[in-house]
Amino acid sequence: MNVLVLGSGGREDAICTKLCESKNLDKLYAMPGNGGIGKKASLIPGSVMDKDAVYKACLDHDIQYVVVTPDDPLADGMVDFLSQRGIKAFGPDRKAARIESSKAFAKELMRKYSIPTAGYAVFSDYEKALEYVLSHGFPTVIKADGLALGKGVTIAQSPAEAKKALKDAMLTHRFGHAGETVVIEEFLSGPEISVLAFTDGRTIRPMVSSMDHKRAYDNDEGPNTGGMGTIAPNPYYDEKTAKECMEKIFIPTIRAMEKEGSPFKGCLYFGLMKTEEGVKVIEYNSRFGDPETQVVIPLLSSDLLEIMMATTDCKLNEVDIKWKEKASCAITITSSGYPGEYEKGKKITIAPDFNATLFIAGAKEEDGVLYTTGGRVLNVVSTAVTLKEAVQDAYRNAGKVQFEKSFYRHDIGKRALEALNG
């Protein structure tokens, strides 16, 4: 089978790496890919949003299966478009992808079906939103309703911060149409847990849990980013918590989507918080998380393509999914200034004794040399028997990757290790 992966980040590099191990794969393609993906797949120029270009690529290269990983093409109906033309694809259709593309839809779904989440209110009027937020305590959470590249969330600690966040989203349109409506939530506290899950709309199979690090700087300071690093498994996700999540969140979410006429097929991401009142949903994503995928997928023992095809064909209950009894750590190396302004085109050098896994997120290859093209540039990933070993090895190898004005956090996994030693 010839397979096309849509996307160009570290998540897609990790997925392509695992797909290459499949006995069902004949040839792998990626659109547009990057400097790392190009070593595993044949790259096809084009935009992940260009439906006609994707369809033409499928015809030109005899591609039978498309893996749609980014949020934008899912929300725009790429899976629907391909399915209507007889090409199978991994990922939810447009209606199901609303669980991420509209935070208001997701919150209303949870309220309707009693899925635990933070209290909230939805506004499309700036003055009313400001009046509401000023009448409630701080901190408070302000979210752009639509897709904002993981940067549309502000934890406002004061009236001034809340006013700025609302102004950025609703008046100056920092996130485009995504911020025309905002969701204002109560602030929850507790350890965060990320769980990706395969689901075919009826069966759900959670993957290994993980812990993301969203803030730009050490000690969880600075602005929110798309993710500065991850570890797996998450020590806060014990057997009792997993059972609670399955009974109160995972299965109810799948059933709710089915009842709403939007059965979800693909990878559903659960962003969770373990509060004193129990586990609550912070957010849903309609696809593999980034950089969670980079630590979870390396722990998968089973055939990823087989699982994906079973998900598409509603046969997930027939597949045995196995995981390695190991731990994993990913360090995201960024361009200095990310998630704000940053420079591109910096030459990347990797020491000869580098011995971890390197997933390329934002870099291109020219004449055998890598150059930076994005804010999140590289993921250095190590897998080991223990989390402590995985973290140590990841940092040891992160120091062997150099480019001008590079930056990474130095405390990825710290909270998880403290919890294990607790």
Protein backbone atom coordinates (compact mmCIF):
# COMPACT_ATOMS: atom_id res chain seq x y z
CA MET A 1 0.00 0.00 0.00
CA ASN A 2 1.23 3.50 -0.88
CA VAL A 3 0.59 6.01 1.93
CA LEU A 4 0.66 9.83 2.02
CA VAL A 5 1.23 11.73 5.28
CA LEU A 6 0.08 15.35 5.31
CA GLY A 7 2.16 17.73 7.45
CA SER A 8 5.64 19.05 8.05
CA GLY A 9 6.44 18.91 11.76
CA GLY A 10 8.11 16.73 14.37
CA ARG A 11 4.84 14.87 14.89
CA GLU A 12 4.77 13.88 11.22
CA ASP A 13 8.44 12.85 11.34
CA ALA A 14 7.66 10.52 14.27
CA ILE A 15 4.62 9.08 12.48
CA CYS A 16 6.56 8.54 9.25
CA THR A 17 9.34 6.80 11.18
CA LYS A 18 6.87 4.34 12.70
CA LEU A 19 4.94 3.82 9.44
CA CYS A 20 8.20 2.78 7.76
CA GLU A 21 8.22 -0.28 10.06
CA SER A 22 4.86 -1.53 8.74
CA LYS A 23 4.66 -4.74 6.74
CA ASN A 24 1.68 -3.22 4.91
CA LEU A 25 3.66 -0.26 3.53
CA ASP A 26 4.94 -0.28 -0.05
CA LYS A 27 5.96 3.37 -0.46
CA LEU A 28 5.64 6.39 1.81
CA TYR A 29 5.01 9.95 0.63
CA ALA A 30 4.69 13.21 2.56
CA MET A 31 3.27 16.64 1.67
CA PRO A 32 5.10 18.91 2.12
CA GLY A 33 7.36 17.15 4.66
CA ASN A 34 10.64 18.57 5.97
CA GLY A 35 14.37 17.86 6.13
CA GLY A 36 13.90 14.85 8.41
CA ILE A 37 10.80 13.36 6.81
CA GLY A 38 12.58 13.47 3.44
CA LYS A 39 14.92 10.72 4.64
CA LYS A 40 11.97 8.35 5.14
CA ALA A 41 9.42 9.45 2.54
CA SER A 42 9.29 10.90 -0.95
CA LEU A 43 8.34 14.56 -0.59
CA ILE A 44 5.56 16.09 -2.68
CA PRO A 45 5.41 19.92 -2.83
CA GLY A 46 2.10 21.47 -1.89
CA SER A 47 -0.10 22.79 0.88
CA VAL A 48 -1.94 20.53 3.32
CA MET A 49 -4.97 22.78 2.76
CA ASP A 50 -5.03 22.28 -1.02
CA LYS A 51 -7.58 19.51 -1.48
CA ASP A 52 -7.18 19.33 -5.24
CA ALA A 53 -3.38 19.06 -4.95
CA VAL A 54 -3.69 16.26 -2.40
CA TYR A 55 -6.15 14.37 -4.59
CA LYS A 56 -3.92 14.84 -7.66
CA ALA A 57 -0.94 13.50 -5.69
CA CYS A 58 -2.98 10.42 -4.80
CA LEU A 59 -3.81 9.80 -8.46
CA ASP A 60 -0.27 10.52 -9.72
CA HIS A 61 1.44 8.24 -7.21
CA ASP A 62 -1.22 5.52 -6.80
CA ILE A 63 -1.74 6.43 -3.14
CA GLN A 64 -4.46 4.38 -1.44
CA TYR A 65 -4.34 5.86 2.07
CA VAL A 66 -3.81 9.37 3.44
CA VAL A 67 -2.87 10.21 7.04
CA VAL A 68 -4.18 13.70 7.83
CA THR A 69 -2.37 14.94 10.94
CA PRO A 70 -2.65 18.78 11.19
CA ASP A 71 -5.74 20.41 12.67
CA ASP A 72 -6.49 22.90 9.87
CA PRO A 73 -7.12 20.42 7.01
CA LEU A 74 -9.19 18.24 9.34
CA ALA A 75 -11.36 21.21 10.31
CA ASP A 76 -11.63 22.15 6.64
CA GLY A 77 -12.97 18.71 5.65
CA MET A 78 -9.98 17.05 4.00
CA VAL A 79 -11.10 13.58 5.13
CA ASP A 80 -14.61 14.20 3.78
CA PHE A 81 -13.19 15.37 0.44
CA LEU A 82 -10.94 12.34 0.00
CA SER A 83 -13.58 9.85 1.15
CA GLN A 84 -16.07 11.20 -1.39
CA ARG A 85 -13.48 10.40 -4.08
CA GLY A 86 -12.84 6.87 -2.92
CA ILE A 87 -9.59 7.46 -1.03
CA LYS A 88 -9.44 6.27 2.55
CA ALA A 89 -7.98 8.64 5.12
CA PHE A 90 -7.03 8.59 8.79
CA GLY A 91 -8.67 11.33 10.81
CA PRO A 92 -12.10 12.72 11.69
CA ASP A 93 -14.44 14.31 9.18
CA ARG A 94 -15.29 18.01 9.37
CA LYS A 95 -18.24 17.58 11.76
CA ALA A 96 -16.25 15.46 14.22
CA ALA A 97 -13.21 17.77 14.00
CA ARG A 98 -15.35 20.50 15.60
CA ILE A 99 -14.40 18.99 18.94
CA GLU A 100 -11.13 20.89 18.48
CA SER A 101 -11.94 23.59 15.93
CA SER A 102 -14.65 25.05 18.20
CA LYS A 103 -13.96 25.18 21.91
CA ALA A 104 -17.52 26.38 22.42
CA PHE A 105 -18.85 23.22 20.73
CA ALA A 106 -16.58 21.06 22.91
CA LYS A 107 -17.64 22.78 26.14
CA GLU A 108 -21.32 22.56 25.27
CA LEU A 109 -20.89 18.86 24.43
CA MET A 110 -19.33 18.25 27.85
CA ARG A 111 -22.05 20.19 29.63
CA LYS A 112 -24.82 18.32 27.78
CA TYR A 113 -23.37 14.86 28.48
CA SER A 114 -22.04 15.55 32.02
CA ILE A 115 -18.38 15.10 31.11
CA PRO A 116 -16.30 16.76 33.88
CA THR A 117 -14.72 20.06 32.85
CA ALA A 118 -14.15 23.59 34.12
CA GLY A 119 -17.05 26.00 34.44
CA TYR A 120 -17.24 28.41 31.52
CA ALA A 121 -19.04 31.09 29.53
CA VAL A 122 -18.93 31.87 25.79
CA PHE A 123 -18.85 35.39 24.32
CA SER A 124 -18.76 36.99 20.88
CA ASP A 125 -19.11 40.53 22.26
CA TYR A 126 -15.97 42.17 23.68
CA GLU A 127 -17.74 44.42 26.20
CA LYS A 128 -19.84 41.57 27.58
CA ALA A 129 -16.78 39.32 27.81
CA LEU A 130 -14.84 42.02 29.64
CA GLU A 131 -17.72 42.68 32.04
CA TYR A 132 -17.95 38.96 32.81
CA VAL A 133 -14.25 38.44 33.37
CA LEU A 134 -13.93 41.49 35.64
CA SER A 135 -16.82 40.27 37.79
CA HIS A 136 -15.10 36.96 38.48
CA GLY A 137 -11.93 36.15 40.41
CA PHE A 138 -8.41 35.65 39.12
CA PRO A 139 -6.63 33.76 37.74
CA THR A 140 -9.01 32.97 34.90
CA VAL A 141 -8.53 31.22 31.56
CA ILE A 142 -9.33 32.92 28.25
CA LYS A 143 -9.38 30.81 25.08
CA ALA A 144 -9.87 31.71 21.44
CA ASP A 145 -12.75 29.56 20.22
CA GLY A 146 -11.05 28.42 17.00
CA LEU A 147 -7.68 27.03 15.97
CA ALA A 148 -4.74 29.22 17.00
CA LEU A 149 -1.67 26.98 16.63
CA GLY A 150 -1.73 26.15 20.34
CA LYS A 151 -1.21 29.82 21.26
CA GLY A 152 -4.79 30.98 21.77
CA VAL A 153 -4.92 30.36 25.52
CA THR A 154 -4.14 32.96 28.19
CA ILE A 155 -4.10 32.36 31.94
CA ALA A 156 -4.87 35.88 33.10
CA GLN A 157 -3.60 36.70 36.58
CA SER A 158 -5.03 40.23 36.71
CA PRO A 159 -7.70 42.48 35.15
CA ALA A 160 -5.01 44.06 32.96
CA GLU A 161 -3.89 40.69 31.57
CA ALA A 162 -7.49 39.63 30.97
CA LYS A 163 -8.29 42.87 29.15
CA LYS A 164 -5.22 42.49 26.93
CA ALA A 165 -6.07 38.86 26.10
CA LEU A 166 -9.64 39.77 25.15
CA LYS A 167 -8.47 42.75 23.12
CA ASP A 168 -5.87 40.68 21.27
CA ALA A 169 -8.40 38.02 20.37
CA MET A 170 -11.57 39.99 19.74
CA LEU A 171 -10.52 43.48 18.65
CA THR A 172 -7.06 43.31 17.07
CA HIS A 173 -7.76 39.80 15.72
CA ARG A 174 -4.38 38.36 16.65
CA PHE A 175 -5.73 34.86 15.86
CA GLY A 176 -7.84 35.91 12.87
CA HIS A 177 -11.39 34.53 12.87
CA ALA A 178 -10.40 32.03 15.59
CA GLY A 179 -10.65 34.75 18.25
CA GLU A 180 -13.95 36.34 17.25
CA THR A 181 -15.59 34.14 19.89
CA VAL A 182 -13.89 33.40 23.21
CA VAL A 183 -14.44 30.86 25.95
CA ILE A 184 -13.78 32.10 29.50
CA GLU A 185 -13.15 29.28 31.98
CA GLU A 186 -12.59 28.91 35.67
CA PHE A 187 -8.97 28.26 36.53
CA LEU A 188 -8.25 24.67 37.59
CA SER A 189 -5.19 23.50 39.46
CA GLY A 190 -3.50 20.14 39.61
CA PRO A 191 -1.18 17.95 37.52
CA GLU A 192 -1.84 17.95 33.79
CA ILE A 193 -2.13 14.69 31.84
CA SER A 194 -2.23 14.16 28.09
CA VAL A 195 -3.79 11.01 26.66
CA LEU A 196 -3.97 10.26 22.95
CA ALA A 197 -6.45 7.59 21.93
CA PHE A 198 -7.23 5.62 18.80
CA THR A 199 -10.94 5.44 18.17
CA ASP A 200 -13.16 4.25 15.31
CA GLY A 201 -16.26 5.92 16.72
CA ARG A 202 -17.30 2.86 18.74
CA THR A 203 -14.13 1.38 20.26
CA ILE A 204 -11.55 3.53 22.02
CA ARG A 205 -7.97 2.49 22.81
CA PRO A 206 -5.97 4.96 24.90
CA MET A 207 -2.25 5.20 24.20
CA VAL A 208 0.52 5.64 26.76
CA SER A 209 -0.08 8.80 28.82
CA SER A 210 2.27 11.77 28.61
CA MET A 211 3.06 15.12 30.24
CA ASP A 212 3.52 18.19 28.04
CA HIS A 213 5.38 21.38 29.00
CA LYS A 214 3.60 24.30 27.34
CA ARG A 215 5.30 27.36 28.83
CA ALA A 216 8.32 28.76 26.99
CA TYR A 217 10.72 28.96 29.94
CA ASP A 218 11.91 26.92 32.92
CA ASN A 219 9.66 26.60 35.97
CA ASP A 220 6.61 26.93 33.69
CA GLU A 221 7.17 30.63 33.13
CA GLY A 222 6.68 32.71 30.01
CA PRO A 223 4.07 32.54 27.23
CA ASN A 224 2.21 29.43 26.11
CA THR A 225 3.75 27.59 23.16
CA GLY A 226 2.89 24.61 21.00
CA GLY A 227 4.96 22.51 23.43
CA MET A 228 8.56 22.67 24.67
CA GLY A 229 9.00 19.02 25.58
CA THR A 230 7.24 15.91 26.80
CA ILE A 231 7.70 12.76 28.87
CA ALA A 232 5.85 9.44 28.87
CA PRO A 233 4.32 7.76 30.71
CA ASN A 234 2.83 10.36 33.04
CA PRO A 235 3.30 9.30 36.70
CA TYR A 236 0.01 10.93 37.69
CA TYR A 237 -1.89 8.61 35.36
CA ASP A 238 -2.07 5.56 37.61
CA GLU A 239 -4.48 2.62 37.26
CA LYS A 240 -7.16 4.30 39.37
CA THR A 241 -6.96 7.49 37.31
CA ALA A 242 -7.01 5.53 34.03
CA LYS A 243 -10.17 3.72 35.15
CA GLU A 244 -11.82 7.01 36.16
CA CYS A 245 -10.94 8.58 32.80
CA MET A 246 -12.25 5.63 30.81
CA GLU A 247 -15.58 5.55 32.68
CA LYS A 248 -16.24 9.28 33.06
CA ILE A 249 -14.45 10.89 30.10
CA PHE A 250 -13.21 8.64 27.28
CA ILE A 251 -16.22 6.42 26.66
CA PRO A 252 -18.77 9.20 27.41
CA THR A 253 -17.02 11.47 24.86
CA ILE A 254 -17.15 8.84 22.12
CA ARG A 255 -20.80 8.08 22.89
CA ALA A 256 -21.64 11.80 22.98
CA MET A 257 -20.11 12.41 19.56
CA GLU A 258 -22.02 9.44 18.19
CA LYS A 259 -25.31 10.73 19.62
CA GLU A 260 -24.64 14.15 18.11
CA GLY A 261 -24.36 12.56 14.66
CA SER A 262 -20.59 13.21 14.57
CA PRO A 263 -18.89 9.86 15.27
CA PHE A 264 -15.18 10.47 15.78
CA LYS A 265 -12.70 8.30 13.87
CA GLY A 266 -8.97 8.87 14.18
CA CYS A 267 -6.79 10.03 17.04
CA LEU A 268 -8.58 11.93 19.81
CA TYR A 269 -6.40 13.89 22.22
CA PHE A 270 -7.58 14.39 25.79
CA GLY A 271 -5.94 17.26 27.67
CA LEU A 272 -6.75 16.52 31.32
CA MET A 273 -6.19 17.95 34.78
CA LYS A 274 -6.21 15.88 37.94
CA THR A 275 -7.98 18.15 40.43
CA GLU A 276 -9.05 17.53 44.01
CA GLU A 277 -12.57 16.97 42.65
CA GLY A 278 -11.40 14.38 40.15
CA VAL A 279 -10.05 14.42 36.61
CA LYS A 280 -11.47 17.13 34.33
CA VAL A 281 -11.10 17.84 30.61
CA ILE A 282 -9.10 20.97 29.76
CA GLU A 283 -9.33 20.51 26.01
CA TYR A 284 -9.80 18.07 23.15
CA ASN A 285 -7.66 17.89 20.02
CA SER A 286 -8.90 16.08 16.93
CA ARG A 287 -5.46 14.69 16.03
CA PHE A 288 -2.10 13.51 17.35
CA GLY A 289 -0.59 16.04 19.73
CA ASP A 290 2.76 17.68 19.11
CA PRO A 291 5.14 16.98 20.84
CA GLU A 292 3.23 14.21 22.68
CA THR A 293 3.38 12.01 19.58
CA GLN A 294 7.17 12.15 19.62
CA VAL A 295 7.32 10.33 22.98
CA VAL A 296 4.26 8.10 22.67
CA ILE A 297 4.74 6.60 19.20
CA PRO A 298 8.31 5.34 19.90
CA LEU A 299 6.79 3.25 22.72
CA LEU A 300 4.37 1.50 20.34
CA SER A 301 5.26 -2.12 19.57
CA SER A 302 2.37 -2.80 17.18
CA ASP A 303 2.03 -1.92 13.51
CA LEU A 304 0.86 1.73 13.33
CA LEU A 305 -0.48 1.48 9.78
CA GLU A 306 -2.52 -1.60 10.70
CA ILE A 307 -4.03 0.29 13.65
CA MET A 308 -4.81 3.33 11.51
CA MET A 309 -6.50 1.24 8.82
CA ALA A 310 -8.56 -0.58 11.46
CA THR A 311 -9.63 2.79 12.84
CA THR A 312 -10.76 3.95 9.40
CA ASP A 313 -12.58 0.66 8.71
CA CYS A 314 -14.30 0.54 12.14
CA LYS A 315 -12.43 -2.64 13.07
CA LEU A 316 -10.35 -1.31 15.97
CA ASN A 317 -11.78 -3.98 18.29
CA GLU A 318 -10.04 -6.61 16.14
CA VAL A 319 -6.53 -5.20 16.63
CA ASP A 320 -4.20 -6.06 19.50
CA ILE A 321 -2.26 -2.92 20.44
CA LYS A 322 0.92 -3.46 22.45
CA TRP A 323 3.27 -1.00 24.15
CA LYS A 324 6.85 -1.18 25.37
CA GLU A 325 7.46 -1.19 29.12
CA LYS A 326 9.77 1.82 28.84
CA ALA A 327 9.83 5.59 29.34
CA SER A 328 10.49 8.35 26.85
CA CYS A 329 11.56 12.02 26.93
CA ALA A 330 11.52 14.65 24.18
CA ILE A 331 13.37 17.97 24.36
CA THR A 332 12.15 20.59 21.88
CA ILE A 333 14.94 22.82 20.60
CA THR A 334 13.56 26.14 19.37
CA SER A 335 14.70 29.30 17.65
CA SER A 336 15.32 32.01 20.26
CA GLY A 337 12.29 34.29 20.46
CA TYR A 338 9.71 31.56 19.86
CA PRO A 339 6.69 31.73 20.24
CA GLY A 340 7.21 35.34 19.16
CA GLU A 341 9.48 36.63 16.40
CA TYR A 342 12.53 34.53 15.51
CA GLU A 343 15.17 34.28 12.79
CA LYS A 344 15.31 31.52 10.17
CA GLY A 345 17.98 29.99 7.97
CA LYS A 346 20.44 29.06 10.73
CA LYS A 347 22.79 26.19 9.94
CA ILE A 348 22.31 23.16 12.22
CA THR A 349 25.29 21.06 13.27
CA ILE A 350 25.00 17.69 15.00
CA ALA A 351 27.95 16.14 16.84
CA PRO A 352 29.20 12.79 15.48
CA ASP A 353 28.54 11.08 18.83
CA PHE A 354 24.86 12.09 18.92
CA ASN A 355 23.02 8.86 19.77
CA ALA A 356 19.37 9.70 20.42
CA THR A 357 16.40 9.90 18.05
CA LEU A 358 16.07 13.21 16.21
CA PHE A 359 12.69 14.24 14.86
CA ILE A 360 12.83 17.32 12.63
CA ALA A 361 10.10 19.89 13.32
CA GLY A 362 11.11 23.07 11.49
CA ALA A 363 14.16 22.53 9.28
CA LYS A 364 14.94 21.98 5.61
CA GLU A 365 17.82 20.15 4.00
CA GLU A 366 20.01 21.71 1.32
CA ASP A 367 23.02 19.83 -0.07
CA GLY A 368 23.08 17.55 2.94
CA VAL A 369 22.96 20.42 5.47
CA LEU A 370 20.00 21.27 7.73
CA TYR A 371 18.81 24.89 8.12
CA THR A 372 16.15 26.21 10.50
CA THR A 373 12.76 27.16 9.03
CA GLY A 374 10.50 27.33 12.09
CA GLY A 375 10.15 28.24 15.74
CA ARG A 376 10.17 24.67 17.00
CA VAL A 377 13.13 23.24 15.10
CA LEU A 378 14.05 19.81 16.49
CA ASN A 379 12.89 17.15 18.95
CA VAL A 380 15.62 15.18 20.70
CA VAL A 381 13.99 11.97 21.92
CA SER A 382 15.41 9.25 24.17
CA THR A 383 13.78 6.03 25.30
CA ALA A 384 15.04 4.06 28.30
CA VAL A 385 13.99 1.58 30.97
CA THR A 386 13.37 4.38 33.48
CA LEU A 387 12.18 7.96 33.07
CA LYS A 388 15.26 9.28 34.85
CA GLU A 389 17.52 7.58 32.31
CA ALA A 390 15.41 8.83 29.40
CA VAL A 391 15.55 12.44 30.65
CA GLN A 392 19.30 12.32 31.30
CA ASP A 393 20.00 10.82 27.89
CA ALA A 394 17.77 13.32 26.09
CA TYR A 395 19.57 16.28 27.69
CA ARG A 396 22.98 14.74 27.08
CA ASN A 397 22.17 14.56 23.38
CA ALA A 398 20.36 17.91 23.19
CA GLY A 399 23.70 19.54 23.97
CA LYS A 400 25.16 17.92 20.85
CA VAL A 401 22.82 19.83 18.53
CA GLN A 402 23.86 23.39 17.74
CA PHE A 403 22.63 26.34 15.72
CA GLU A 404 22.88 30.09 16.23
CA LYS A 405 20.32 31.44 18.73
CA SER A 406 19.03 27.99 19.68
CA PHE A 407 17.07 27.57 22.91
CA TYR A 408 15.48 24.83 25.01
CA ARG A 409 14.10 24.38 28.50
CA HIS A 410 16.29 22.65 31.07
CA ASP A 411 13.56 21.21 33.31
CA ILE A 412 11.57 18.89 31.04
CA GLY A 413 10.55 15.89 33.16
CA LYS A 414 11.44 17.55 36.48
CA ARG A 415 7.87 17.50 37.84
CA ALA A 416 7.35 13.92 36.70
CA LEU A 417 10.55 12.74 38.40
CA GLU A 418 9.58 14.55 41.60
CA ALA A 419 6.21 12.79 41.50
CA LEU A 420 7.89 9.41 41.06
CA ASN A 421 10.23 10.10 43.98
CA GLY A 422 7.41 11.71 45.96
